[in-house]
Amino acid sequence: MSVNVDAFCCCEYAMGKKRVSNPPVPTSSGGARLSRSQRALDKKLSDIDGNRIEQGQEAYGLSRIYQGSIYVMGDLVNVDRFAHAAHGFRELMEKLARSVPSAQVPSSKGSPPTLNAMVKDVGKAWGKAKRNTKNLNGGKWEGVIDSHIAKFLGSLAHFFNAANTFKPPKAHQGENLLKYTDFQRYPLPEQIERIRIQEWRAYDEYFQRIAHHGSLASEDEFARYVRSFEEFLLARLIPKTSRSKRTLLAIIKEGEGNA
């Protein structure tokens, strides 16, 4: 499905509220110059990592990934800066989806099997059935199916059922992240949930395409995607009640005091 990212600018920020700034450029000290909203987002990403460390879980360095992406995006010396920045934003999406505890995203060990693994399992079942069945005689099938073929047909039915509902692990992670980080007291309407999932996928597909040099991005296009992506994350990760100017400034001040 083709999705126009401009149609997804978060409504919380669209009505005259402060929007994320244009792409920053590197500061004289070598760091990324972040806008106020970007610093609030960066602080939240850092907090997520800190919470995981306190709980004895693996932290992925979300803040470093984000700052690195912003830095390389504004590095005019880097002729391939958009592809490098896009790779960073893709990594941020993937690692963020693994990092939010309430999203209950399974680890790689507990993830559902991939489609390739499912096909291999069916192939093994087919090979075993062919070796043991009496219905295969000289390359020809004959007679009433025996227990070996009946068992394989059951495996085949299970495969098709699983394949019809199969979701790639990354898409599954993104959906869980959106479902459990909207801070809603009640489940979202299905249509709204689908729109947000489509937006998440639009960012994922865009950054992946640019990172793999599937197309060349203009400065204006890339900046629009990044701004919308940042607003999308702010709306998901920081509750609406926390997004007042006063609270944002408090978050930023706390982050600067701990720097």
C-alpha atoms as a PDB file:
ATOM      1  CA  MET A   1       0.000   0.000   0.000  1.00  0.00           C
ATOM      2  CA  SER A   2       1.350   3.418  -0.932  1.00  0.00           C
ATOM      3  CA  VAL A   3       1.235   5.870   1.945  1.00  0.00           C
ATOM      4  CA  ASN A   4       1.744   9.629   1.758  1.00  0.00           C
ATOM      5  CA  VAL A   5       3.733  10.563   4.824  1.00  0.00           C
ATOM      6  CA  ASP A   6       2.454  14.148   4.771  1.00  0.00           C
ATOM      7  CA  ALA A   7      -1.027  12.820   5.537  1.00  0.00           C
ATOM      8  CA  PHE A   8       0.206  11.378   8.813  1.00  0.00           C
ATOM      9  CA  CYS A   9       1.542  14.459  10.650  1.00  0.00           C
ATOM     10  CA  CYS A  10       0.405  13.958  14.217  1.00  0.00           C
ATOM     11  CA  CYS A  11      -2.730  15.888  15.042  1.00  0.00           C
ATOM     12  CA  GLU A  12      -1.369  16.710  18.524  1.00  0.00           C
ATOM     13  CA  TYR A  13       1.210  18.979  16.889  1.00  0.00           C
ATOM     14  CA  ALA A  14      -0.668  20.140  13.818  1.00  0.00           C
ATOM     15  CA  MET A  15      -2.844  22.807  15.464  1.00  0.00           C
ATOM     16  CA  GLY A  16      -0.328  25.604  15.938  1.00  0.00           C
ATOM     17  CA  LYS A  17       1.960  23.765  18.348  1.00  0.00           C
ATOM     18  CA  LYS A  18       5.737  23.739  18.092  1.00  0.00           C
ATOM     19  CA  ARG A  19       6.941  21.384  15.359  1.00  0.00           C
ATOM     20  CA  VAL A  20      10.283  19.623  15.257  1.00  0.00           C
ATOM     21  CA  SER A  21      12.884  21.894  13.710  1.00  0.00           C
ATOM     22  CA  ASN A  22      14.593  21.557  10.361  1.00  0.00           C
ATOM     23  CA  PRO A  23      17.548  19.147  10.165  1.00  0.00           C
ATOM     24  CA  PRO A  24      20.289  20.298  12.539  1.00  0.00           C
ATOM     25  CA  VAL A  25      23.924  20.728  11.555  1.00  0.00           C
ATOM     26  CA  PRO A  26      26.938  19.537  13.576  1.00  0.00           C
ATOM     27  CA  THR A  27      28.002  21.861  16.386  1.00  0.00           C
ATOM     28  CA  SER A  28      31.556  23.136  16.779  1.00  0.00           C
ATOM     29  CA  SER A  29      32.124  20.499  19.465  1.00  0.00           C
ATOM     30  CA  GLY A  30      31.194  17.738  17.035  1.00  0.00           C
ATOM     31  CA  GLY A  31      27.784  16.835  18.492  1.00  0.00           C
ATOM     32  CA  ALA A  32      24.393  17.140  16.881  1.00  0.00           C
ATOM     33  CA  ARG A  33      22.519  20.391  17.453  1.00  0.00           C
ATOM     34  CA  LEU A  34      19.069  19.337  18.605  1.00  0.00           C
ATOM     35  CA  SER A  35      15.899  21.371  18.753  1.00  0.00           C
ATOM     36  CA  ARG A  36      13.835  21.524  21.948  1.00  0.00           C
ATOM     37  CA  SER A  37      11.491  18.767  20.808  1.00  0.00           C
ATOM     38  CA  GLN A  38      14.394  16.649  19.628  1.00  0.00           C
ATOM     39  CA  ARG A  39      16.058  16.968  23.037  1.00  0.00           C
ATOM     40  CA  ALA A  40      12.827  15.840  24.700  1.00  0.00           C
ATOM     41  CA  LEU A  41      12.689  12.816  22.390  1.00  0.00           C
ATOM     42  CA  ASP A  42      16.369  12.082  22.979  1.00  0.00           C
ATOM     43  CA  LYS A  43      15.812  12.253  26.757  1.00  0.00           C
ATOM     44  CA  LYS A  44      12.947   9.782  26.508  1.00  0.00           C
ATOM     45  CA  LEU A  45      15.049   7.359  24.456  1.00  0.00           C
ATOM     46  CA  SER A  46      17.835   7.630  27.015  1.00  0.00           C
ATOM     47  CA  ASP A  47      15.335   6.927  29.815  1.00  0.00           C
ATOM     48  CA  ILE A  48      14.111   3.789  28.058  1.00  0.00           C
ATOM     49  CA  ASP A  49      17.682   2.482  27.939  1.00  0.00           C
ATOM     50  CA  GLY A  50      18.234   3.446  31.572  1.00  0.00           C
ATOM     51  CA  ASN A  51      15.123   1.583  32.685  1.00  0.00           C
ATOM     52  CA  ARG A  52      16.233  -1.556  30.866  1.00  0.00           C
ATOM     53  CA  ILE A  53      19.671  -1.398  32.500  1.00  0.00           C
ATOM     54  CA  GLU A  54      18.072  -1.042  35.949  1.00  0.00           C
ATOM     55  CA  GLN A  55      15.978  -4.135  35.229  1.00  0.00           C
ATOM     56  CA  GLY A  56      19.033  -6.122  34.152  1.00  0.00           C
ATOM     57  CA  GLN A  57      17.965  -6.154  30.502  1.00  0.00           C
ATOM     58  CA  GLU A  58      19.986  -5.407  27.398  1.00  0.00           C
ATOM     59  CA  ALA A  59      20.058  -1.736  26.359  1.00  0.00           C
ATOM     60  CA  TYR A  60      20.625  -0.811  22.733  1.00  0.00           C
ATOM     61  CA  GLY A  61      21.840   2.768  23.032  1.00  0.00           C
ATOM     62  CA  LEU A  62      18.720   4.361  21.552  1.00  0.00           C
ATOM     63  CA  SER A  63      19.898   7.896  22.282  1.00  0.00           C
ATOM     64  CA  ARG A  64      23.252   7.293  20.579  1.00  0.00           C
ATOM     65  CA  ILE A  65      21.561   5.799  17.533  1.00  0.00           C
ATOM     66  CA  TYR A  66      19.212   8.786  17.301  1.00  0.00           C
ATOM     67  CA  GLN A  67      21.905  11.411  17.832  1.00  0.00           C
ATOM     68  CA  GLY A  68      24.207   9.663  15.378  1.00  0.00           C
ATOM     69  CA  SER A  69      21.485   9.654  12.742  1.00  0.00           C
ATOM     70  CA  ILE A  70      20.811  13.354  13.250  1.00  0.00           C
ATOM     71  CA  TYR A  71      24.528  14.148  13.158  1.00  0.00           C
ATOM     72  CA  VAL A  72      25.240  12.301   9.917  1.00  0.00           C
ATOM     73  CA  MET A  73      22.095  13.741   8.357  1.00  0.00           C
ATOM     74  CA  GLY A  74      23.531  17.232   8.807  1.00  0.00           C
ATOM     75  CA  ASP A  75      27.109  16.344   7.852  1.00  0.00           C
ATOM     76  CA  LEU A  76      27.462  18.187   4.538  1.00  0.00           C
ATOM     77  CA  VAL A  77      30.886  16.638   3.954  1.00  0.00           C
ATOM     78  CA  ASN A  78      29.341  13.170   3.748  1.00  0.00           C
ATOM     79  CA  VAL A  79      28.126  12.742   0.163  1.00  0.00           C
ATOM     80  CA  ASP A  80      26.067   9.681   1.180  1.00  0.00           C
ATOM     81  CA  ARG A  81      24.680  11.204   4.363  1.00  0.00           C
ATOM     82  CA  PHE A  82      21.006  10.429   3.739  1.00  0.00           C
ATOM     83  CA  ALA A  83      21.642   6.707   3.195  1.00  0.00           C
ATOM     84  CA  HIS A  84      23.762   6.559   6.350  1.00  0.00           C
ATOM     85  CA  ALA A  85      21.193   8.502   8.366  1.00  0.00           C
ATOM     86  CA  ALA A  86      18.376   6.311   7.030  1.00  0.00           C
ATOM     87  CA  HIS A  87      20.224   3.227   8.236  1.00  0.00           C
ATOM     88  CA  GLY A  88      20.414   4.764  11.698  1.00  0.00           C
ATOM     89  CA  PHE A  89      16.698   5.583  11.780  1.00  0.00           C
ATOM     90  CA  ARG A  90      15.880   2.029  10.679  1.00  0.00           C
ATOM     91  CA  GLU A  91      18.047   0.690  13.497  1.00  0.00           C
ATOM     92  CA  LEU A  92      16.281   3.021  15.913  1.00  0.00           C
ATOM     93  CA  MET A  93      12.891   1.669  14.860  1.00  0.00           C
ATOM     94  CA  GLU A  94      14.002  -1.933  15.257  1.00  0.00           C
ATOM     95  CA  LYS A  95      15.754  -1.457  18.597  1.00  0.00           C
ATOM     96  CA  LEU A  96      12.968   0.725  19.991  1.00  0.00           C
ATOM     97  CA  ALA A  97      10.423  -1.983  19.227  1.00  0.00           C
ATOM     98  CA  ARG A  98      12.539  -4.401  21.264  1.00  0.00           C
ATOM     99  CA  SER A  99      13.061  -1.968  24.124  1.00  0.00           C
ATOM    100  CA  VAL A 100       9.614  -0.923  25.311  1.00  0.00           C
ATOM    101  CA  PRO A 101       8.677  -3.436  28.050  1.00  0.00           C
ATOM    102  CA  SER A 102       4.940  -2.846  27.801  1.00  0.00           C
ATOM    103  CA  ALA A 103       4.990  -3.738  24.129  1.00  0.00           C
ATOM    104  CA  GLN A 104       5.832  -7.314  25.123  1.00  0.00           C
ATOM    105  CA  VAL A 105       7.823  -7.859  21.940  1.00  0.00           C
ATOM    106  CA  PRO A 106       9.354 -11.348  22.035  1.00  0.00           C
ATOM    107  CA  SER A 107      13.107 -11.739  21.987  1.00  0.00           C
ATOM    108  CA  SER A 108      14.796 -13.364  19.013  1.00  0.00           C
ATOM    109  CA  LYS A 109      14.705 -16.707  20.856  1.00  0.00           C
ATOM    110  CA  GLY A 110      10.990 -16.399  21.531  1.00  0.00           C
ATOM    111  CA  SER A 111       9.978 -14.909  18.196  1.00  0.00           C
ATOM    112  CA  PRO A 112       7.540 -16.741  15.923  1.00  0.00           C
ATOM    113  CA  PRO A 113       9.252 -18.892  13.264  1.00  0.00           C
ATOM    114  CA  THR A 114      10.157 -17.190  10.017  1.00  0.00           C
ATOM    115  CA  LEU A 115       8.414 -18.145   6.783  1.00  0.00           C
ATOM    116  CA  ASN A 116      11.630 -19.743   5.558  1.00  0.00           C
ATOM    117  CA  ALA A 117      11.803 -21.930   8.686  1.00  0.00           C
ATOM    118  CA  MET A 118       8.175 -22.966   8.219  1.00  0.00           C
ATOM    119  CA  VAL A 119       8.862 -24.025   4.613  1.00  0.00           C
ATOM    120  CA  LYS A 120      11.879 -26.061   5.725  1.00  0.00           C
ATOM    121  CA  ASP A 121       9.761 -27.868   8.336  1.00  0.00           C
ATOM    122  CA  VAL A 122       7.188 -28.805   5.700  1.00  0.00           C
ATOM    123  CA  GLY A 123       9.991 -30.000   3.421  1.00  0.00           C
ATOM    124  CA  LYS A 124      11.315 -32.296   6.152  1.00  0.00           C
ATOM    125  CA  ALA A 125       7.829 -33.681   6.805  1.00  0.00           C
ATOM    126  CA  TRP A 126       7.383 -34.315   3.070  1.00  0.00           C
ATOM    127  CA  GLY A 127      10.707 -36.142   2.798  1.00  0.00           C
ATOM    128  CA  LYS A 128       9.857 -38.365   5.750  1.00  0.00           C
ATOM    129  CA  ALA A 129       6.414 -39.168   4.361  1.00  0.00           C
ATOM    130  CA  LYS A 130       7.830 -40.123   0.951  1.00  0.00           C
ATOM    131  CA  ARG A 131      10.384 -42.445   2.543  1.00  0.00           C
ATOM    132  CA  ASN A 132       7.863 -44.299   4.684  1.00  0.00           C
ATOM    133  CA  THR A 133       4.610 -44.330   2.719  1.00  0.00           C
ATOM    134  CA  LYS A 134       3.367 -47.383   0.833  1.00  0.00           C
ATOM    135  CA  ASN A 135       1.329 -45.209  -1.505  1.00  0.00           C
ATOM    136  CA  LEU A 136       4.346 -44.296  -3.651  1.00  0.00           C
ATOM    137  CA  ASN A 137       5.253 -47.161  -5.980  1.00  0.00           C
ATOM    138  CA  GLY A 138       7.818 -46.610  -8.704  1.00  0.00           C
ATOM    139  CA  GLY A 139       7.150 -42.877  -8.794  1.00  0.00           C
ATOM    140  CA  LYS A 140       3.372 -43.367  -9.001  1.00  0.00           C
ATOM    141  CA  TRP A 141       0.831 -42.739  -6.287  1.00  0.00           C
ATOM    142  CA  GLU A 142      -1.729 -45.472  -5.656  1.00  0.00           C
ATOM    143  CA  GLY A 143      -4.131 -46.863  -3.085  1.00  0.00           C
ATOM    144  CA  VAL A 144      -5.861 -45.324  -0.087  1.00  0.00           C
ATOM    145  CA  ILE A 145      -3.628 -42.880   1.760  1.00  0.00           C
ATOM    146  CA  ASP A 146      -1.790 -44.429   4.681  1.00  0.00           C
ATOM    147  CA  SER A 147      -0.895 -42.962   8.054  1.00  0.00           C
ATOM    148  CA  HIS A 148       2.336 -41.395   6.776  1.00  0.00           C
ATOM    149  CA  ILE A 149       0.617 -39.359   4.064  1.00  0.00           C
ATOM    150  CA  ALA A 150      -2.265 -38.540   6.418  1.00  0.00           C
ATOM    151  CA  LYS A 151       0.239 -37.131   8.932  1.00  0.00           C
ATOM    152  CA  PHE A 152       1.927 -35.075   6.228  1.00  0.00           C
ATOM    153  CA  LEU A 153      -1.412 -33.651   5.079  1.00  0.00           C
ATOM    154  CA  GLY A 154      -1.996 -32.530   8.665  1.00  0.00           C
ATOM    155  CA  SER A 155       1.398 -30.789   8.654  1.00  0.00           C
ATOM    156  CA  LEU A 156       0.512 -29.164   5.341  1.00  0.00           C
ATOM    157  CA  ALA A 157      -2.801 -27.884   6.695  1.00  0.00           C
ATOM    158  CA  HIS A 158      -0.981 -26.402   9.706  1.00  0.00           C
ATOM    159  CA  PHE A 159       1.531 -24.720   7.383  1.00  0.00           C
ATOM    160  CA  PHE A 160      -1.150 -23.049   5.266  1.00  0.00           C
ATOM    161  CA  ASN A 161      -3.015 -21.852   8.358  1.00  0.00           C
ATOM    162  CA  ALA A 162       0.180 -20.358   9.741  1.00  0.00           C
ATOM    163  CA  ALA A 163       1.190 -18.864   6.389  1.00  0.00           C
ATOM    164  CA  ASN A 164      -2.180 -17.153   5.975  1.00  0.00           C
ATOM    165  CA  THR A 165      -1.718 -15.319   9.283  1.00  0.00           C
ATOM    166  CA  PHE A 166       2.053 -14.899   9.032  1.00  0.00           C
ATOM    167  CA  LYS A 167       3.527 -11.531   9.975  1.00  0.00           C
ATOM    168  CA  PRO A 168       7.226 -10.789   9.558  1.00  0.00           C
ATOM    169  CA  PRO A 169       8.858 -10.327  12.976  1.00  0.00           C
ATOM    170  CA  LYS A 170       9.686  -6.636  12.379  1.00  0.00           C
ATOM    171  CA  ALA A 171       6.108  -5.811  11.419  1.00  0.00           C
ATOM    172  CA  HIS A 172       4.875  -7.708  14.485  1.00  0.00           C
ATOM    173  CA  GLN A 173       7.234  -5.708  16.705  1.00  0.00           C
ATOM    174  CA  GLY A 174       6.081  -2.413  15.253  1.00  0.00           C
ATOM    175  CA  GLU A 175       2.435  -3.261  15.759  1.00  0.00           C
ATOM    176  CA  ASN A 176       3.014  -4.199  19.399  1.00  0.00           C
ATOM    177  CA  LEU A 177       4.962  -1.011  19.991  1.00  0.00           C
ATOM    178  CA  LEU A 178       2.090   1.097  18.687  1.00  0.00           C
ATOM    179  CA  LYS A 179      -0.569  -0.824  20.585  1.00  0.00           C
ATOM    180  CA  TYR A 180       1.152  -0.498  23.939  1.00  0.00           C
ATOM    181  CA  THR A 181       2.713   2.971  23.795  1.00  0.00           C
ATOM    182  CA  ASP A 182      -0.252   5.166  22.907  1.00  0.00           C
ATOM    183  CA  PHE A 183      -1.155   5.613  26.596  1.00  0.00           C
ATOM    184  CA  GLN A 184      -4.826   5.134  25.830  1.00  0.00           C
ATOM    185  CA  ARG A 185      -7.210   4.115  28.581  1.00  0.00           C
ATOM    186  CA  TYR A 186      -9.204   2.113  26.052  1.00  0.00           C
ATOM    187  CA  PRO A 187      -8.204   0.185  22.919  1.00  0.00           C
ATOM    188  CA  LEU A 188      -7.905   2.315  19.803  1.00  0.00           C
ATOM    189  CA  PRO A 189     -10.619   1.988  17.145  1.00  0.00           C
ATOM    190  CA  GLU A 190      -9.469  -0.613  14.646  1.00  0.00           C
ATOM    191  CA  GLN A 191      -9.418   1.866  11.761  1.00  0.00           C
ATOM    192  CA  ILE A 192      -7.211   4.334  13.690  1.00  0.00           C
ATOM    193  CA  GLU A 193      -4.889   1.525  14.754  1.00  0.00           C
ATOM    194  CA  ARG A 194      -4.517   0.465  11.121  1.00  0.00           C
ATOM    195  CA  ILE A 195      -3.654   4.037  10.112  1.00  0.00           C
ATOM    196  CA  ARG A 196      -0.893   4.233  12.710  1.00  0.00           C
ATOM    197  CA  ILE A 197       0.482   0.841  11.727  1.00  0.00           C
ATOM    198  CA  GLN A 198       0.485   1.982   8.089  1.00  0.00           C
ATOM    199  CA  GLU A 199       2.399   5.104   9.083  1.00  0.00           C
ATOM    200  CA  TRP A 200       4.983   3.058  11.000  1.00  0.00           C
ATOM    201  CA  ARG A 201       5.428   0.824   7.969  1.00  0.00           C
ATOM    202  CA  ALA A 202       5.719   3.864   5.680  1.00  0.00           C
ATOM    203  CA  TYR A 203       8.667   5.158   7.705  1.00  0.00           C
ATOM    204  CA  ASP A 204      10.234   1.700   7.813  1.00  0.00           C
ATOM    205  CA  GLU A 205       9.909   1.203   4.057  1.00  0.00           C
ATOM    206  CA  TYR A 206      11.199   4.681   3.265  1.00  0.00           C
ATOM    207  CA  PHE A 207      14.275   4.525   5.496  1.00  0.00           C
ATOM    208  CA  GLN A 208      15.043   1.008   4.310  1.00  0.00           C
ATOM    209  CA  ARG A 209      14.788   2.048   0.659  1.00  0.00           C
ATOM    210  CA  ILE A 210      17.085   5.049   1.141  1.00  0.00           C
ATOM    211  CA  ALA A 211      19.553   3.073   3.286  1.00  0.00           C
ATOM    212  CA  HIS A 212      19.858   0.409   0.582  1.00  0.00           C
ATOM    213  CA  HIS A 213      20.161   3.007  -2.184  1.00  0.00           C
ATOM    214  CA  GLY A 214      16.879   1.944  -3.718  1.00  0.00           C
ATOM    215  CA  SER A 215      16.284   5.604  -4.581  1.00  0.00           C
ATOM    216  CA  LEU A 216      17.957   8.967  -4.080  1.00  0.00           C
ATOM    217  CA  ALA A 217      16.441  11.288  -1.514  1.00  0.00           C
ATOM    218  CA  SER A 218      16.364  15.044  -1.838  1.00  0.00           C
ATOM    219  CA  GLU A 219      17.180  17.156   1.207  1.00  0.00           C
ATOM    220  CA  ASP A 220      13.606  18.433   1.436  1.00  0.00           C
ATOM    221  CA  GLU A 221      12.041  14.981   1.107  1.00  0.00           C
ATOM    222  CA  PHE A 222      14.323  13.361   3.671  1.00  0.00           C
ATOM    223  CA  ALA A 223      13.823  16.230   6.124  1.00  0.00           C
ATOM    224  CA  ARG A 224      10.026  15.925   5.850  1.00  0.00           C
ATOM    225  CA  TYR A 225      10.144  12.204   6.593  1.00  0.00           C
ATOM    226  CA  VAL A 226      12.450  12.714   9.572  1.00  0.00           C
ATOM    227  CA  ARG A 227      10.345  15.539  11.021  1.00  0.00           C
ATOM    228  CA  SER A 228       7.171  13.487  10.738  1.00  0.00           C
ATOM    229  CA  PHE A 229       8.912  10.419  12.179  1.00  0.00           C
ATOM    230  CA  GLU A 230      10.116  12.427  15.185  1.00  0.00           C
ATOM    231  CA  GLU A 231       6.634  13.814  15.805  1.00  0.00           C
ATOM    232  CA  PHE A 232       5.211  10.325  15.503  1.00  0.00           C
ATOM    233  CA  LEU A 233       7.612   9.014  18.170  1.00  0.00           C
ATOM    234  CA  LEU A 234       6.947  11.973  20.469  1.00  0.00           C
ATOM    235  CA  ALA A 235       3.213  11.332  20.285  1.00  0.00           C
ATOM    236  CA  ARG A 236       3.681   7.626  21.027  1.00  0.00           C
ATOM    237  CA  LEU A 237       6.359   7.786  23.726  1.00  0.00           C
ATOM    238  CA  ILE A 238       5.430  10.898  25.692  1.00  0.00           C
ATOM    239  CA  PRO A 239       1.858  10.985  27.056  1.00  0.00           C
ATOM    240  CA  LYS A 240      -0.318  13.859  25.896  1.00  0.00           C
ATOM    241  CA  THR A 241      -0.491  15.233  29.453  1.00  0.00           C
ATOM    242  CA  SER A 242       3.310  15.485  29.471  1.00  0.00           C
ATOM    243  CA  ARG A 243       3.630  17.416  26.261  1.00  0.00           C
ATOM    244  CA  SER A 244       2.937  20.890  27.618  1.00  0.00           C
ATOM    245  CA  LYS A 245       5.663  23.447  27.149  1.00  0.00           C
ATOM    246  CA  ARG A 246       6.393  23.511  30.875  1.00  0.00           C
ATOM    247  CA  THR A 247       6.848  19.743  31.105  1.00  0.00           C
ATOM    248  CA  LEU A 248       8.982  19.567  27.986  1.00  0.00           C
ATOM    249  CA  LEU A 249      11.277  22.225  29.427  1.00  0.00           C
ATOM    250  CA  ALA A 250      11.500  20.291  32.705  1.00  0.00           C
ATOM    251  CA  ILE A 251      12.452  17.124  30.836  1.00  0.00           C
ATOM    252  CA  ILE A 252      15.134  19.009  28.896  1.00  0.00           C
ATOM    253  CA  LYS A 253      16.503  20.691  32.037  1.00  0.00           C
ATOM    254  CA  GLU A 254      16.745  17.355  33.822  1.00  0.00           C
ATOM    255  CA  GLY A 255      18.582  15.843  30.859  1.00  0.00           C
ATOM    256  CA  GLU A 256      21.045  18.733  30.695  1.00  0.00           C
ATOM    257  CA  GLY A 257      21.676  18.499  34.446  1.00  0.00           C
ATOM    258  CA  ASN A 258      22.593  14.812  34.102  1.00  0.00           C
ATOM    259  CA  ALA A 259      24.838  15.404  31.083  1.00  0.00           C
END
